[in-house]
Amino acid sequence: FVGLFPQLDALNVMRLSSPQSAILSAVIFNALIIVALIPLSLRG
């Protein structure tokens, strides 16, 4: 919504490159964090 409400740019604290890269980066992180936590879930 930064295009409609420029004020939302203040919430973009990570200063991501573009709306599309921000969304894709979040999706990729969401998948990779599962892999990263598998050893911990198995080990406890």
PDB file of all heavy atoms in Angstrom:
ATOM      1  N   PHE A   1       0.791  -1.232   0.000  1.00  0.00           N
ATOM      2  CA  PHE A   1       0.000   0.000   0.000  1.00  0.00           C
ATOM      3  C   PHE A   1       0.825   1.285   0.000  1.00  0.00           C
ATOM      4  O   PHE A   1       0.280   2.372   0.148  1.00  0.00           O
ATOM      5  CB  PHE A   1      -0.925   0.014   1.230  1.00  0.00           C
ATOM      6  CG  PHE A   1      -1.941  -1.086   1.227  1.00  0.00           C
ATOM      7  CD1 PHE A   1      -1.770  -2.206   2.028  1.00  0.00           C
ATOM      8  CD2 PHE A   1      -3.049  -1.014   0.397  1.00  0.00           C
ATOM      9  CE1 PHE A   1      -2.702  -3.234   2.017  1.00  0.00           C
ATOM     10  CE2 PHE A   1      -3.989  -2.034   0.385  1.00  0.00           C
ATOM     11  CZ  PHE A   1      -3.813  -3.145   1.196  1.00  0.00           C
ATOM     12  N   VAL A   2       2.136   1.156  -0.177  1.00  0.00           N
ATOM     13  CA  VAL A   2       2.945   2.375  -0.151  1.00  0.00           C
ATOM     14  C   VAL A   2       2.612   3.299  -1.322  1.00  0.00           C
ATOM     15  O   VAL A   2       2.758   4.522  -1.227  1.00  0.00           O
ATOM     16  CB  VAL A   2       4.449   2.010  -0.148  1.00  0.00           C
ATOM     17  CG1 VAL A   2       4.878   1.435  -1.502  1.00  0.00           C
ATOM     18  CG2 VAL A   2       5.302   3.232   0.197  1.00  0.00           C
ATOM     19  N   GLY A   3       2.133   2.722  -2.430  1.00  0.00           N
ATOM     20  CA  GLY A   3       1.757   3.555  -3.576  1.00  0.00           C
ATOM     21  C   GLY A   3       0.567   4.440  -3.267  1.00  0.00           C
ATOM     22  O   GLY A   3       0.472   5.576  -3.748  1.00  0.00           O
ATOM     23  N   LEU A   4      -0.369   3.942  -2.498  1.00  0.00           N
ATOM     24  CA  LEU A   4      -1.565   4.697  -2.149  1.00  0.00           C
ATOM     25  C   LEU A   4      -1.322   5.588  -0.936  1.00  0.00           C
ATOM     26  O   LEU A   4      -1.777   6.738  -0.891  1.00  0.00           O
ATOM     27  CB  LEU A   4      -2.720   3.726  -1.857  1.00  0.00           C
ATOM     28  CG  LEU A   4      -4.059   4.358  -1.492  1.00  0.00           C
ATOM     29  CD1 LEU A   4      -4.589   5.190  -2.673  1.00  0.00           C
ATOM     30  CD2 LEU A   4      -5.063   3.283  -1.105  1.00  0.00           C
ATOM     31  N   PHE A   5      -0.590   5.051   0.032  1.00  0.00           N
ATOM     32  CA  PHE A   5      -0.294   5.817   1.250  1.00  0.00           C
ATOM     33  C   PHE A   5       1.223   5.917   1.409  1.00  0.00           C
ATOM     34  O   PHE A   5       1.855   5.053   2.019  1.00  0.00           O
ATOM     35  CB  PHE A   5      -0.898   5.128   2.479  1.00  0.00           C
ATOM     36  CG  PHE A   5      -2.388   4.927   2.398  1.00  0.00           C
ATOM     37  CD1 PHE A   5      -2.923   3.668   2.174  1.00  0.00           C
ATOM     38  CD2 PHE A   5      -3.255   6.012   2.520  1.00  0.00           C
ATOM     39  CE1 PHE A   5      -4.286   3.478   2.092  1.00  0.00           C
ATOM     40  CE2 PHE A   5      -4.624   5.826   2.439  1.00  0.00           C
ATOM     41  CZ  PHE A   5      -5.146   4.561   2.219  1.00  0.00           C
ATOM     42  N   PRO A   6       1.837   6.941   0.873  1.00  0.00           N
ATOM     43  CA  PRO A   6       3.299   7.097   0.963  1.00  0.00           C
ATOM     44  C   PRO A   6       3.806   7.103   2.405  1.00  0.00           C
ATOM     45  O   PRO A   6       4.970   6.773   2.655  1.00  0.00           O
ATOM     46  CB  PRO A   6       3.552   8.437   0.277  1.00  0.00           C
ATOM     47  CG  PRO A   6       2.373   8.637  -0.611  1.00  0.00           C
ATOM     48  CD  PRO A   6       1.219   8.020   0.101  1.00  0.00           C
ATOM     49  N   GLN A   7       2.920   7.469   3.333  1.00  0.00           N
ATOM     50  CA  GLN A   7       3.344   7.508   4.734  1.00  0.00           C
ATOM     51  C   GLN A   7       3.761   6.119   5.253  1.00  0.00           C
ATOM     52  O   GLN A   7       4.535   6.003   6.205  1.00  0.00           O
ATOM     53  CB  GLN A   7       2.210   8.041   5.620  1.00  0.00           C
ATOM     54  CG  GLN A   7       1.794   9.462   5.300  1.00  0.00           C
ATOM     55  CD  GLN A   7       0.719   9.498   4.212  1.00  0.00           C
ATOM     56  OE1 GLN A   7       0.540   8.511   3.480  1.00  0.00           O
ATOM     57  NE2 GLN A   7       0.037  10.635   4.080  1.00  0.00           N
ATOM     58  N   LEU A   8       3.241   5.056   4.591  1.00  0.00           N
ATOM     59  CA  LEU A   8       3.592   3.695   5.013  1.00  0.00           C
ATOM     60  C   LEU A   8       5.065   3.378   4.775  1.00  0.00           C
ATOM     61  O   LEU A   8       5.589   2.399   5.301  1.00  0.00           O
ATOM     62  CB  LEU A   8       2.732   2.670   4.282  1.00  0.00           C
ATOM     63  CG  LEU A   8       1.256   2.581   4.711  1.00  0.00           C
ATOM     64  CD1 LEU A   8       0.518   1.577   3.838  1.00  0.00           C
ATOM     65  CD2 LEU A   8       1.158   2.175   6.175  1.00  0.00           C
ATOM     66  N   ASP A   9       5.723   4.229   3.992  1.00  0.00           N
ATOM     67  CA  ASP A   9       7.147   3.990   3.738  1.00  0.00           C
ATOM     68  C   ASP A   9       7.954   4.061   5.035  1.00  0.00           C
ATOM     69  O   ASP A   9       9.041   3.491   5.134  1.00  0.00           O
ATOM     70  CB  ASP A   9       7.683   5.007   2.735  1.00  0.00           C
ATOM     71  CG  ASP A   9       9.082   4.655   2.267  1.00  0.00           C
ATOM     72  OD1 ASP A   9       9.258   3.533   1.738  1.00  0.00           O
ATOM     73  OD2 ASP A   9       9.999   5.484   2.462  1.00  0.00           O
ATOM     74  N   ALA A  10       7.380   4.754   6.023  1.00  0.00           N
ATOM     75  CA  ALA A  10       8.065   4.833   7.315  1.00  0.00           C
ATOM     76  C   ALA A  10       8.160   3.458   7.985  1.00  0.00           C
ATOM     77  O   ALA A  10       9.058   3.209   8.798  1.00  0.00           O
ATOM     78  CB  ALA A  10       7.332   5.809   8.231  1.00  0.00           C
ATOM     79  N   LEU A  11       7.208   2.574   7.630  1.00  0.00           N
ATOM     80  CA  LEU A  11       7.239   1.226   8.193  1.00  0.00           C
ATOM     81  C   LEU A  11       8.226   0.321   7.462  1.00  0.00           C
ATOM     82  O   LEU A  11       8.522  -0.784   7.929  1.00  0.00           O
ATOM     83  CB  LEU A  11       5.846   0.598   8.139  1.00  0.00           C
ATOM     84  CG  LEU A  11       4.762   1.274   8.979  1.00  0.00           C
ATOM     85  CD1 LEU A  11       3.430   0.563   8.789  1.00  0.00           C
ATOM     86  CD2 LEU A  11       5.150   1.290  10.449  1.00  0.00           C
ATOM     87  N   ASN A  12       8.702   0.773   6.326  1.00  0.00           N
ATOM     88  CA  ASN A  12       9.665  -0.012   5.557  1.00  0.00           C
ATOM     89  C   ASN A  12      11.050   0.161   6.167  1.00  0.00           C
ATOM     90  O   ASN A  12      11.972   0.690   5.548  1.00  0.00           O
ATOM     91  CB  ASN A  12       9.641   0.425   4.093  1.00  0.00           C
ATOM     92  CG  ASN A  12      10.530  -0.460   3.214  1.00  0.00           C
ATOM     93  OD1 ASN A  12      10.912  -1.560   3.612  1.00  0.00           O
ATOM     94  ND2 ASN A  12      10.860   0.044   2.032  1.00  0.00           N
ATOM     95  N   VAL A  13      11.187  -0.279   7.421  1.00  0.00           N
ATOM     96  CA  VAL A  13      12.433  -0.055   8.163  1.00  0.00           C
ATOM     97  C   VAL A  13      13.603  -0.823   7.561  1.00  0.00           C
ATOM     98  O   VAL A  13      14.755  -0.481   7.791  1.00  0.00           O
ATOM     99  CB  VAL A  13      12.248  -0.447   9.641  1.00  0.00           C
ATOM    100  CG1 VAL A  13      11.250   0.474  10.326  1.00  0.00           C
ATOM    101  CG2 VAL A  13      11.819  -1.902   9.763  1.00  0.00           C
ATOM    102  N   MET A  14      13.308  -1.890   6.794  1.00  0.00           N
ATOM    103  CA  MET A  14      14.385  -2.672   6.190  1.00  0.00           C
ATOM    104  C   MET A  14      14.868  -2.049   4.883  1.00  0.00           C
ATOM    105  O   MET A  14      15.862  -2.500   4.325  1.00  0.00           O
ATOM    106  CB  MET A  14      13.904  -4.108   5.948  1.00  0.00           C
ATOM    107  CG  MET A  14      13.741  -4.919   7.221  1.00  0.00           C
ATOM    108  SD  MET A  14      13.106  -6.590   6.923  1.00  0.00           S
ATOM    109  CE  MET A  14      11.341  -6.293   6.928  1.00  0.00           C
ATOM    110  N   ARG A  15      14.124  -1.033   4.395  1.00  0.00           N
ATOM    111  CA  ARG A  15      14.482  -0.369   3.140  1.00  0.00           C
ATOM    112  C   ARG A  15      14.644  -1.400   2.023  1.00  0.00           C
ATOM    113  O   ARG A  15      15.692  -1.497   1.364  1.00  0.00           O
ATOM    114  CB  ARG A  15      15.774   0.448   3.298  1.00  0.00           C
ATOM    115  CG  ARG A  15      15.627   1.596   4.255  1.00  0.00           C
ATOM    116  CD  ARG A  15      14.565   2.572   3.778  1.00  0.00           C
ATOM    117  NE  ARG A  15      13.949   3.334   4.888  1.00  0.00           N
ATOM    118  CZ  ARG A  15      12.871   4.072   4.753  1.00  0.00           C
ATOM    119  NH1 ARG A  15      12.247   4.108   3.590  1.00  0.00           N
ATOM    120  NH2 ARG A  15      12.378   4.731   5.771  1.00  0.00           N
ATOM    121  N   LEU A  16      13.589  -2.157   1.784  1.00  0.00           N
ATOM    122  CA  LEU A  16      13.614  -3.187   0.756  1.00  0.00           C
ATOM    123  C   LEU A  16      13.535  -2.557  -0.628  1.00  0.00           C
ATOM    124  O   LEU A  16      12.975  -1.472  -0.807  1.00  0.00           O
ATOM    125  CB  LEU A  16      12.461  -4.156   0.983  1.00  0.00           C
ATOM    126  CG  LEU A  16      12.466  -4.839   2.370  1.00  0.00           C
ATOM    127  CD1 LEU A  16      11.266  -5.749   2.525  1.00  0.00           C
ATOM    128  CD2 LEU A  16      13.756  -5.610   2.606  1.00  0.00           C
ATOM    129  N   SER A  17      14.071  -3.256  -1.617  1.00  0.00           N
ATOM    130  CA  SER A  17      14.284  -2.677  -2.948  1.00  0.00           C
ATOM    131  C   SER A  17      12.995  -2.292  -3.652  1.00  0.00           C
ATOM    132  O   SER A  17      12.876  -1.209  -4.231  1.00  0.00           O
ATOM    133  CB  SER A  17      15.064  -3.667  -3.822  1.00  0.00           C
ATOM    134  OG  SER A  17      16.285  -4.001  -3.206  1.00  0.00           O
ATOM    135  N   SER A  18      12.005  -3.187  -3.640  1.00  0.00           N
ATOM    136  CA  SER A  18      10.766  -2.934  -4.360  1.00  0.00           C
ATOM    137  C   SER A  18       9.654  -3.732  -3.706  1.00  0.00           C
ATOM    138  O   SER A  18       9.920  -4.666  -2.940  1.00  0.00           O
ATOM    139  CB  SER A  18      10.905  -3.347  -5.827  1.00  0.00           C
ATOM    140  OG  SER A  18      11.067  -4.762  -5.924  1.00  0.00           O
ATOM    141  N   PRO A  19       8.392  -3.399  -3.993  1.00  0.00           N
ATOM    142  CA  PRO A  19       7.296  -4.183  -3.427  1.00  0.00           C
ATOM    143  C   PRO A  19       7.393  -5.662  -3.774  1.00  0.00           C
ATOM    144  O   PRO A  19       7.159  -6.524  -2.931  1.00  0.00           O
ATOM    145  CB  PRO A  19       6.054  -3.531  -4.038  1.00  0.00           C
ATOM    146  CG  PRO A  19       6.459  -2.120  -4.299  1.00  0.00           C
ATOM    147  CD  PRO A  19       7.895  -2.192  -4.710  1.00  0.00           C
ATOM    148  N   GLN A  20       7.742  -5.972  -5.038  1.00  0.00           N
ATOM    149  CA  GLN A  20       7.805  -7.378  -5.430  1.00  0.00           C
ATOM    150  C   GLN A  20       8.949  -8.117  -4.728  1.00  0.00           C
ATOM    151  O   GLN A  20       8.785  -9.250  -4.274  1.00  0.00           O
ATOM    152  CB  GLN A  20       7.955  -7.488  -6.944  1.00  0.00           C
ATOM    153  CG  GLN A  20       6.672  -7.163  -7.709  1.00  0.00           C
ATOM    154  CD  GLN A  20       6.795  -7.470  -9.191  1.00  0.00           C
ATOM    155  OE1 GLN A  20       7.870  -7.336  -9.760  1.00  0.00           O
ATOM    156  NE2 GLN A  20       5.687  -7.857  -9.809  1.00  0.00           N
ATOM    157  N   SER A  21      10.111  -7.477  -4.630  1.00  0.00           N
ATOM    158  CA  SER A  21      11.238  -8.136  -3.951  1.00  0.00           C
ATOM    159  C   SER A  21      10.949  -8.311  -2.463  1.00  0.00           C
ATOM    160  O   SER A  21      11.372  -9.298  -1.848  1.00  0.00           O
ATOM    161  CB  SER A  21      12.530  -7.339  -4.156  1.00  0.00           C
ATOM    162  OG  SER A  21      12.491  -6.122  -3.437  1.00  0.00           O
ATOM    163  N   ALA A  22      10.209  -7.353  -1.885  1.00  0.00           N
ATOM    164  CA  ALA A  22       9.850  -7.467  -0.474  1.00  0.00           C
ATOM    165  C   ALA A  22       8.954  -8.675  -0.238  1.00  0.00           C
ATOM    166  O   ALA A  22       9.171  -9.466   0.691  1.00  0.00           O
ATOM    167  CB  ALA A  22       9.153  -6.195  -0.014  1.00  0.00           C
ATOM    168  N   ILE A  23       7.954  -8.842  -1.087  1.00  0.00           N
ATOM    169  CA  ILE A  23       7.022  -9.965  -0.934  1.00  0.00           C
ATOM    170  C   ILE A  23       7.723 -11.293  -1.169  1.00  0.00           C
ATOM    171  O   ILE A  23       7.580 -12.245  -0.398  1.00  0.00           O
ATOM    172  CB  ILE A  23       5.839  -9.790  -1.900  1.00  0.00           C
ATOM    173  CG1 ILE A  23       5.011  -8.566  -1.494  1.00  0.00           C
ATOM    174  CG2 ILE A  23       4.978 -11.042  -1.936  1.00  0.00           C
ATOM    175  CD1 ILE A  23       3.969  -8.166  -2.506  1.00  0.00           C
ATOM    176  N   LEU A  24       8.517 -11.370  -2.243  1.00  0.00           N
ATOM    177  CA  LEU A  24       9.207 -12.622  -2.550  1.00  0.00           C
ATOM    178  C   LEU A  24      10.227 -12.961  -1.464  1.00  0.00           C
ATOM    179  O   LEU A  24      10.366 -14.126  -1.070  1.00  0.00           O
ATOM    180  CB  LEU A  24       9.896 -12.516  -3.908  1.00  0.00           C
ATOM    181  CG  LEU A  24      10.634 -13.781  -4.386  1.00  0.00           C
ATOM    182  CD1 LEU A  24       9.688 -14.981  -4.409  1.00  0.00           C
ATOM    183  CD2 LEU A  24      11.246 -13.555  -5.773  1.00  0.00           C
ATOM    184  N   SER A  25      10.926 -11.969  -0.941  1.00  0.00           N
ATOM    185  CA  SER A  25      11.909 -12.208   0.130  1.00  0.00           C
ATOM    186  C   SER A  25      11.231 -12.757   1.376  1.00  0.00           C
ATOM    187  O   SER A  25      11.754 -13.660   2.045  1.00  0.00           O
ATOM    188  CB  SER A  25      12.654 -10.918   0.472  1.00  0.00           C
ATOM    189  OG  SER A  25      13.381 -10.442  -0.637  1.00  0.00           O
ATOM    190  N   ALA A  26      10.052 -12.222   1.690  1.00  0.00           N
ATOM    191  CA  ALA A  26       9.316 -12.709   2.858  1.00  0.00           C
ATOM    192  C   ALA A  26       8.866 -14.150   2.652  1.00  0.00           C
ATOM    193  O   ALA A  26       8.915 -14.975   3.579  1.00  0.00           O
ATOM    194  CB  ALA A  26       8.115 -11.808   3.135  1.00  0.00           C
ATOM    195  N   VAL A  27       8.419 -14.478   1.438  1.00  0.00           N
ATOM    196  CA  VAL A  27       7.976 -15.849   1.147  1.00  0.00           C
ATOM    197  C   VAL A  27       9.152 -16.824   1.240  1.00  0.00           C
ATOM    198  O   VAL A  27       9.030 -17.920   1.805  1.00  0.00           O
ATOM    199  CB  VAL A  27       7.326 -15.920  -0.247  1.00  0.00           C
ATOM    200  CG1 VAL A  27       7.072 -17.372  -0.656  1.00  0.00           C
ATOM    201  CG2 VAL A  27       6.021 -15.137  -0.270  1.00  0.00           C
ATOM    202  N   ILE A  28      10.301 -16.423   0.676  1.00  0.00           N
ATOM    203  CA  ILE A  28      11.484 -17.296   0.722  1.00  0.00           C
ATOM    204  C   ILE A  28      11.947 -17.496   2.160  1.00  0.00           C
ATOM    205  O   ILE A  28      12.260 -18.614   2.584  1.00  0.00           O
ATOM    206  CB  ILE A  28      12.624 -16.716  -0.144  1.00  0.00           C
ATOM    207  CG1 ILE A  28      12.211 -16.696  -1.614  1.00  0.00           C
ATOM    208  CG2 ILE A  28      13.897 -17.522   0.050  1.00  0.00           C
ATOM    209  CD1 ILE A  28      13.226 -16.029  -2.524  1.00  0.00           C
ATOM    210  N   PHE A  29      11.981 -16.402   2.922  1.00  0.00           N
ATOM    211  CA  PHE A  29      12.390 -16.516   4.328  1.00  0.00           C
ATOM    212  C   PHE A  29      11.433 -17.440   5.082  1.00  0.00           C
ATOM    213  O   PHE A  29      11.854 -18.251   5.909  1.00  0.00           O
ATOM    214  CB  PHE A  29      12.418 -15.136   4.988  1.00  0.00           C
ATOM    215  CG  PHE A  29      12.736 -15.189   6.461  1.00  0.00           C
ATOM    216  CD1 PHE A  29      14.046 -15.259   6.893  1.00  0.00           C
ATOM    217  CD2 PHE A  29      11.722 -15.203   7.414  1.00  0.00           C
ATOM    218  CE1 PHE A  29      14.345 -15.337   8.246  1.00  0.00           C
ATOM    219  CE2 PHE A  29      12.009 -15.277   8.765  1.00  0.00           C
ATOM    220  CZ  PHE A  29      13.331 -15.344   9.182  1.00  0.00           C
ATOM    221  N   ASN A  30      10.168 -17.317   4.782  1.00  0.00           N
ATOM    222  CA  ASN A  30       9.153 -18.140   5.447  1.00  0.00           C
ATOM    223  C   ASN A  30       9.403 -19.625   5.208  1.00  0.00           C
ATOM    224  O   ASN A  30       9.140 -20.457   6.084  1.00  0.00           O
ATOM    225  CB  ASN A  30       7.769 -17.746   4.920  1.00  0.00           C
ATOM    226  CG  ASN A  30       6.649 -18.256   5.794  1.00  0.00           C
ATOM    227  OD1 ASN A  30       6.561 -17.908   6.964  1.00  0.00           O
ATOM    228  ND2 ASN A  30       5.798 -19.102   5.235  1.00  0.00           N
ATOM    229  N   ALA A  31       9.914 -19.969   4.032  1.00  0.00           N
ATOM    230  CA  ALA A  31      10.216 -21.370   3.725  1.00  0.00           C
ATOM    231  C   ALA A  31      11.537 -21.815   4.337  1.00  0.00           C
ATOM    232  O   ALA A  31      11.636 -22.893   4.935  1.00  0.00           O
ATOM    233  CB  ALA A  31      10.243 -21.575   2.211  1.00  0.00           C
ATOM    234  N   LEU A  32      12.562 -20.965   4.212  1.00  0.00           N
ATOM    235  CA  LEU A  32      13.893 -21.352   4.681  1.00  0.00           C
ATOM    236  C   LEU A  32      13.976 -21.472   6.194  1.00  0.00           C
ATOM    237  O   LEU A  32      14.756 -22.283   6.717  1.00  0.00           O
ATOM    238  CB  LEU A  32      14.933 -20.345   4.179  1.00  0.00           C
ATOM    239  CG  LEU A  32      15.175 -20.316   2.663  1.00  0.00           C
ATOM    240  CD1 LEU A  32      16.227 -19.267   2.317  1.00  0.00           C
ATOM    241  CD2 LEU A  32      15.608 -21.692   2.160  1.00  0.00           C
ATOM    242  N   ILE A  33      13.176 -20.673   6.920  1.00  0.00           N
ATOM    243  CA  ILE A  33      13.264 -20.738   8.379  1.00  0.00           C
ATOM    244  C   ILE A  33      12.786 -22.092   8.888  1.00  0.00           C
ATOM    245  O   ILE A  33      13.230 -22.572   9.936  1.00  0.00           O
ATOM    246  CB  ILE A  33      12.450 -19.583   9.028  1.00  0.00           C
ATOM    247  CG1 ILE A  33      12.884 -19.384  10.486  1.00  0.00           C
ATOM    248  CG2 ILE A  33      10.969 -19.839   8.937  1.00  0.00           C
ATOM    249  CD1 ILE A  33      14.302 -18.955  10.667  1.00  0.00           C
ATOM    250  N   ILE A  34      11.892 -22.748   8.136  1.00  0.00           N
ATOM    251  CA  ILE A  34      11.444 -24.090   8.517  1.00  0.00           C
ATOM    252  C   ILE A  34      12.619 -25.064   8.449  1.00  0.00           C
ATOM    253  O   ILE A  34      12.847 -25.861   9.369  1.00  0.00           O
ATOM    254  CB  ILE A  34      10.301 -24.562   7.598  1.00  0.00           C
ATOM    255  CG1 ILE A  34       9.067 -23.680   7.803  1.00  0.00           C
ATOM    256  CG2 ILE A  34       9.965 -26.031   7.853  1.00  0.00           C
ATOM    257  CD1 ILE A  34       7.938 -23.970   6.826  1.00  0.00           C
ATOM    258  N   VAL A  35      13.385 -24.983   7.356  1.00  0.00           N
ATOM    259  CA  VAL A  35      14.552 -25.850   7.200  1.00  0.00           C
ATOM    260  C   VAL A  35      15.565 -25.592   8.306  1.00  0.00           C
ATOM    261  O   VAL A  35      16.138 -26.522   8.890  1.00  0.00           O
ATOM    262  CB  VAL A  35      15.204 -25.634   5.823  1.00  0.00           C
ATOM    263  CG1 VAL A  35      16.440 -26.510   5.685  1.00  0.00           C
ATOM    264  CG2 VAL A  35      14.213 -25.945   4.718  1.00  0.00           C
ATOM    265  N   ALA A  36      15.775 -24.310   8.611  1.00  0.00           N
ATOM    266  CA  ALA A  36      16.758 -23.953   9.631  1.00  0.00           C
ATOM    267  C   ALA A  36      16.389 -24.494  11.008  1.00  0.00           C
ATOM    268  O   ALA A  36      17.276 -24.789  11.825  1.00  0.00           O
ATOM    269  CB  ALA A  36      16.909 -22.435   9.685  1.00  0.00           C
ATOM    270  N   LEU A  37      15.093 -24.626  11.269  1.00  0.00           N
ATOM    271  CA  LEU A  37      14.646 -25.051  12.595  1.00  0.00           C
ATOM    272  C   LEU A  37      14.398 -26.555  12.706  1.00  0.00           C
ATOM    273  O   LEU A  37      14.093 -27.036  13.796  1.00  0.00           O
ATOM    274  CB  LEU A  37      13.369 -24.297  12.979  1.00  0.00           C
ATOM    275  CG  LEU A  37      13.536 -22.791  13.231  1.00  0.00           C
ATOM    276  CD1 LEU A  37      12.190 -22.148  13.516  1.00  0.00           C
ATOM    277  CD2 LEU A  37      14.495 -22.541  14.391  1.00  0.00           C
ATOM    278  N   ILE A  38      14.513 -27.295  11.603  1.00  0.00           N
ATOM    279  CA  ILE A  38      14.312 -28.748  11.680  1.00  0.00           C
ATOM    280  C   ILE A  38      15.290 -29.403  12.659  1.00  0.00           C
ATOM    281  O   ILE A  38      14.881 -30.203  13.511  1.00  0.00           O
ATOM    282  CB  ILE A  38      14.412 -29.399  10.282  1.00  0.00           C
ATOM    283  CG1 ILE A  38      13.185 -29.046   9.437  1.00  0.00           C
ATOM    284  CG2 ILE A  38      14.525 -30.920  10.406  1.00  0.00           C
ATOM    285  CD1 ILE A  38      13.231 -29.587   8.019  1.00  0.00           C
ATOM    286  N   PRO A  39      16.611 -29.104  12.601  1.00  0.00           N
ATOM    287  CA  PRO A  39      17.526 -29.733  13.575  1.00  0.00           C
ATOM    288  C   PRO A  39      17.143 -29.440  15.020  1.00  0.00           C
ATOM    289  O   PRO A  39      17.226 -30.317  15.878  1.00  0.00           O
ATOM    290  CB  PRO A  39      18.892 -29.130  13.207  1.00  0.00           C
ATOM    291  CG  PRO A  39      18.766 -28.741  11.777  1.00  0.00           C
ATOM    292  CD  PRO A  39      17.358 -28.277  11.625  1.00  0.00           C
ATOM    293  N   LEU A  40      16.714 -28.196  15.295  1.00  0.00           N
ATOM    294  CA  LEU A  40      16.329 -27.846  16.664  1.00  0.00           C
ATOM    295  C   LEU A  40      15.080 -28.601  17.099  1.00  0.00           C
ATOM    296  O   LEU A  40      14.985 -29.070  18.236  1.00  0.00           O
ATOM    297  CB  LEU A  40      16.097 -26.340  16.776  1.00  0.00           C
ATOM    298  CG  LEU A  40      15.687 -25.825  18.169  1.00  0.00           C
ATOM    299  CD1 LEU A  40      16.775 -26.127  19.190  1.00  0.00           C
ATOM    300  CD2 LEU A  40      15.400 -24.327  18.126  1.00  0.00           C
ATOM    301  N   SER A  41      14.129 -28.754  16.191  1.00  0.00           N
ATOM    302  CA  SER A  41      12.902 -29.472  16.547  1.00  0.00           C
ATOM    303  C   SER A  41      13.186 -30.941  16.812  1.00  0.00           C
ATOM    304  O   SER A  41      12.533 -31.572  17.650  1.00  0.00           O
ATOM    305  CB  SER A  41      11.860 -29.326  15.436  1.00  0.00           C
ATOM    306  OG  SER A  41      12.268 -30.008  14.263  1.00  0.00           O
ATOM    307  N   LEU A  42      14.166 -31.511  16.120  1.00  0.00           N
ATOM    308  CA  LEU A  42      14.516 -32.913  16.328  1.00  0.00           C
ATOM    309  C   LEU A  42      15.380 -33.098  17.571  1.00  0.00           C
ATOM    310  O   LEU A  42      15.221 -34.067  18.314  1.00  0.00           O
ATOM    311  CB  LEU A  42      15.256 -33.468  15.105  1.00  0.00           C
ATOM    312  CG  LEU A  42      14.479 -33.484  13.784  1.00  0.00           C
ATOM    313  CD1 LEU A  42      15.341 -34.052  12.680  1.00  0.00           C
ATOM    314  CD2 LEU A  42      13.187 -34.280  13.916  1.00  0.00           C
ATOM    315  N   ARG A  43      16.298 -32.171  17.781  1.00  0.00           N
ATOM    316  CA  ARG A  43      17.193 -32.262  18.938  1.00  0.00           C
ATOM    317  C   ARG A  43      16.509 -31.823  20.216  1.00  0.00           C
ATOM    318  O   ARG A  43      16.718 -32.380  21.292  1.00  0.00           O
ATOM    319  CB  ARG A  43      18.437 -31.410  18.680  1.00  0.00           C
ATOM    320  CG  ARG A  43      19.503 -31.517  19.778  1.00  0.00           C
ATOM    321  CD  ARG A  43      20.718 -30.669  19.437  1.00  0.00           C
ATOM    322  NE  ARG A  43      20.409 -29.241  19.420  1.00  0.00           N
ATOM    323  CZ  ARG A  43      20.341 -28.489  18.336  1.00  0.00           C
ATOM    324  NH1 ARG A  43      20.550 -29.032  17.143  1.00  0.00           N
ATOM    325  NH2 ARG A  43      20.060 -27.207  18.398  1.00  0.00           N
ATOM    326  N   GLY A  44      15.647 -30.812  20.102  1.00  0.00           N
ATOM    327  CA  GLY A  44      14.955 -30.274  21.269  1.00  0.00           C
ATOM    328  C   GLY A  44      15.736 -29.133  21.895  1.00  0.00           C
ATOM    329  O   GLY A  44      16.971 -29.106  21.861  1.00  0.00           O
TER     330      GLY A  44
END
